[in-house]
Amino acid sequence: MVTRRGDETAGSVLLKINRLGPGCMVLSPTTNFDDGARMWLKGTGPDWVEETDADAYIERRVKNDPDLWVLEVEDREGRAFLDEKIE
C-alpha cells in the first residue's frame, strides 16, 4: 500500500517490509555502478528492526527528500516481492 505520496514526477521510493509483529525493514533503491543494474539496499541495516525504528528511518529520509514515496508491504514471511537484488 502507499503510505506516503511524494512528488509524482521526481520522487524516489522507499519500500517498508512489515512482518506484522516480528520486525520491519526499509529498502532503498540504488544502482550497481559495476553493471548499471537496479538493486535495493537495506536502509535499516542487515537485520529486522522494530517498526518504530523503521518509521524513524523513513522520517529522517523524508526530512532530506520531501519528494519521497513510501510503499509498505505487509507479509508475515518478510517477502519484498522484488526481482532486483537486495543487499
C-alpha atoms as a PDB file:
ATOM      1  CA  MET A   1       0.000   0.000   0.000  1.00  0.00           C
ATOM      2  CA  VAL A   2       1.062   3.615  -0.469  1.00  0.00           C
ATOM      3  CA  THR A   3       1.709   5.091   2.969  1.00  0.00           C
ATOM      4  CA  ARG A   4       3.213   8.391   1.776  1.00  0.00           C
ATOM      5  CA  ARG A   5       2.796  10.184  -1.512  1.00  0.00           C
ATOM      6  CA  GLY A   6       5.792  12.046  -2.882  1.00  0.00           C
ATOM      7  CA  ASP A   7       6.302  14.103  -5.981  1.00  0.00           C
ATOM      8  CA  GLU A   8       4.518  12.482  -8.927  1.00  0.00           C
ATOM      9  CA  THR A   9       7.280  13.259 -11.414  1.00  0.00           C
ATOM     10  CA  ALA A  10      10.517  13.180  -9.435  1.00  0.00           C
ATOM     11  CA  GLY A  11      10.015  11.274  -6.195  1.00  0.00           C
ATOM     12  CA  SER A  12      12.107   8.255  -5.283  1.00  0.00           C
ATOM     13  CA  VAL A  13      10.636   5.278  -3.413  1.00  0.00           C
ATOM     14  CA  LEU A  14      11.300   3.608  -0.077  1.00  0.00           C
ATOM     15  CA  LEU A  15       9.854   0.151   0.482  1.00  0.00           C
ATOM     16  CA  LYS A  16       8.908  -0.804   4.041  1.00  0.00           C
ATOM     17  CA  ILE A  17       8.570  -4.555   4.589  1.00  0.00           C
ATOM     18  CA  ASN A  18       6.400  -5.203   7.643  1.00  0.00           C
ATOM     19  CA  ARG A  19       6.258  -8.732   9.079  1.00  0.00           C
ATOM     20  CA  LEU A  20       3.294  -7.674  11.241  1.00  0.00           C
ATOM     21  CA  GLY A  21       4.949  -8.118  14.599  1.00  0.00           C
ATOM     22  CA  PRO A  22       8.418  -9.609  14.452  1.00  0.00           C
ATOM     23  CA  GLY A  23      10.148  -6.717  12.727  1.00  0.00           C
ATOM     24  CA  CYS A  24      10.395  -4.423   9.735  1.00  0.00           C
ATOM     25  CA  MET A  25      12.978  -3.499   7.125  1.00  0.00           C
ATOM     26  CA  VAL A  26      13.186  -0.469   4.844  1.00  0.00           C
ATOM     27  CA  LEU A  27      14.683  -0.889   1.392  1.00  0.00           C
ATOM     28  CA  SER A  28      16.078   1.958  -0.673  1.00  0.00           C
ATOM     29  CA  PRO A  29      16.718   1.773  -4.451  1.00  0.00           C
ATOM     30  CA  THR A  30      20.178   2.249  -5.872  1.00  0.00           C
ATOM     31  CA  THR A  31      22.183   1.421  -8.968  1.00  0.00           C
ATOM     32  CA  ASN A  32      25.059  -1.042  -9.069  1.00  0.00           C
ATOM     33  CA  PHE A  33      27.782   1.041 -10.680  1.00  0.00           C
ATOM     34  CA  ASP A  34      29.666  -2.056 -11.869  1.00  0.00           C
ATOM     35  CA  ASP A  35      26.983  -3.135 -14.324  1.00  0.00           C
ATOM     36  CA  GLY A  36      24.251  -0.486 -14.046  1.00  0.00           C
ATOM     37  CA  ALA A  37      21.728  -2.935 -12.592  1.00  0.00           C
ATOM     38  CA  ARG A  38      18.984  -1.728 -10.275  1.00  0.00           C
ATOM     39  CA  MET A  39      19.227  -3.070  -6.730  1.00  0.00           C
ATOM     40  CA  TRP A  40      17.858  -2.387  -3.262  1.00  0.00           C
ATOM     41  CA  LEU A  41      19.831  -1.538  -0.136  1.00  0.00           C
ATOM     42  CA  LYS A  42      18.701  -2.470   3.370  1.00  0.00           C
ATOM     43  CA  GLY A  43      18.447   1.086   4.687  1.00  0.00           C
ATOM     44  CA  THR A  44      17.705  -0.024   8.237  1.00  0.00           C
ATOM     45  CA  GLY A  45      20.631  -2.454   8.301  1.00  0.00           C
ATOM     46  CA  PRO A  46      21.042  -6.193   7.752  1.00  0.00           C
ATOM     47  CA  ASP A  47      18.631  -7.276  10.493  1.00  0.00           C
ATOM     48  CA  TRP A  48      14.946  -6.776  11.090  1.00  0.00           C
ATOM     49  CA  VAL A  49      14.169  -3.755  13.303  1.00  0.00           C
ATOM     50  CA  GLU A  50      11.231  -2.595  15.401  1.00  0.00           C
ATOM     51  CA  GLU A  51       8.546  -0.773  13.426  1.00  0.00           C
ATOM     52  CA  THR A  52       9.253   2.434  15.357  1.00  0.00           C
ATOM     53  CA  ASP A  53      12.896   2.287  14.203  1.00  0.00           C
ATOM     54  CA  ALA A  54      11.817   1.707  10.599  1.00  0.00           C
ATOM     55  CA  ASP A  55       9.422   4.654  10.790  1.00  0.00           C
ATOM     56  CA  ALA A  56      12.130   6.869  12.314  1.00  0.00           C
ATOM     57  CA  TYR A  57      14.467   5.979   9.430  1.00  0.00           C
ATOM     58  CA  ILE A  58      11.740   6.899   6.942  1.00  0.00           C
ATOM     59  CA  GLU A  59      11.100  10.232   8.664  1.00  0.00           C
ATOM     60  CA  ARG A  60      14.823  11.094   8.574  1.00  0.00           C
ATOM     61  CA  ARG A  61      14.897  10.349   4.861  1.00  0.00           C
ATOM     62  CA  VAL A  62      11.747  12.415   4.234  1.00  0.00           C
ATOM     63  CA  LYS A  63      13.311  15.417   6.008  1.00  0.00           C
ATOM     64  CA  ASN A  64      16.173  15.257   3.480  1.00  0.00           C
ATOM     65  CA  ASP A  65      13.947  14.454   0.493  1.00  0.00           C
ATOM     66  CA  PRO A  66      10.304  15.562   0.825  1.00  0.00           C
ATOM     67  CA  ASP A  67       9.554  14.116  -2.637  1.00  0.00           C
ATOM     68  CA  LEU A  68       9.897  10.516  -1.374  1.00  0.00           C
ATOM     69  CA  TRP A  69       7.173   7.962  -1.811  1.00  0.00           C
ATOM     70  CA  VAL A  70       6.803   5.202   0.803  1.00  0.00           C
ATOM     71  CA  LEU A  71       5.252   1.859  -0.053  1.00  0.00           C
ATOM     72  CA  GLU A  72       4.548  -0.757   2.606  1.00  0.00           C
ATOM     73  CA  VAL A  73       4.305  -4.487   2.047  1.00  0.00           C
ATOM     74  CA  GLU A  74       2.703  -6.431   4.886  1.00  0.00           C
ATOM     75  CA  ASP A  75       3.883 -10.024   4.716  1.00  0.00           C
ATOM     76  CA  ARG A  76       4.459 -12.294   7.711  1.00  0.00           C
ATOM     77  CA  GLU A  77       7.290 -14.041   5.841  1.00  0.00           C
ATOM     78  CA  GLY A  78       9.046 -10.734   5.125  1.00  0.00           C
ATOM     79  CA  ARG A  79       8.988 -11.072   1.355  1.00  0.00           C
ATOM     80  CA  ALA A  80       9.661  -7.929  -0.659  1.00  0.00           C
ATOM     81  CA  PHE A  81       8.273  -9.283  -3.952  1.00  0.00           C
ATOM     82  CA  LEU A  82      11.116  -7.670  -5.923  1.00  0.00           C
ATOM     83  CA  ASP A  83      13.017  -9.137  -8.845  1.00  0.00           C
ATOM     84  CA  GLU A  84      16.064  -6.948  -8.285  1.00  0.00           C
ATOM     85  CA  LYS A  85      18.951  -7.848  -5.994  1.00  0.00           C
ATOM     86  CA  ILE A  86      18.683  -6.854  -2.321  1.00  0.00           C
ATOM     87  CA  GLU A  87      21.859  -6.129  -0.355  1.00  0.00           C
END
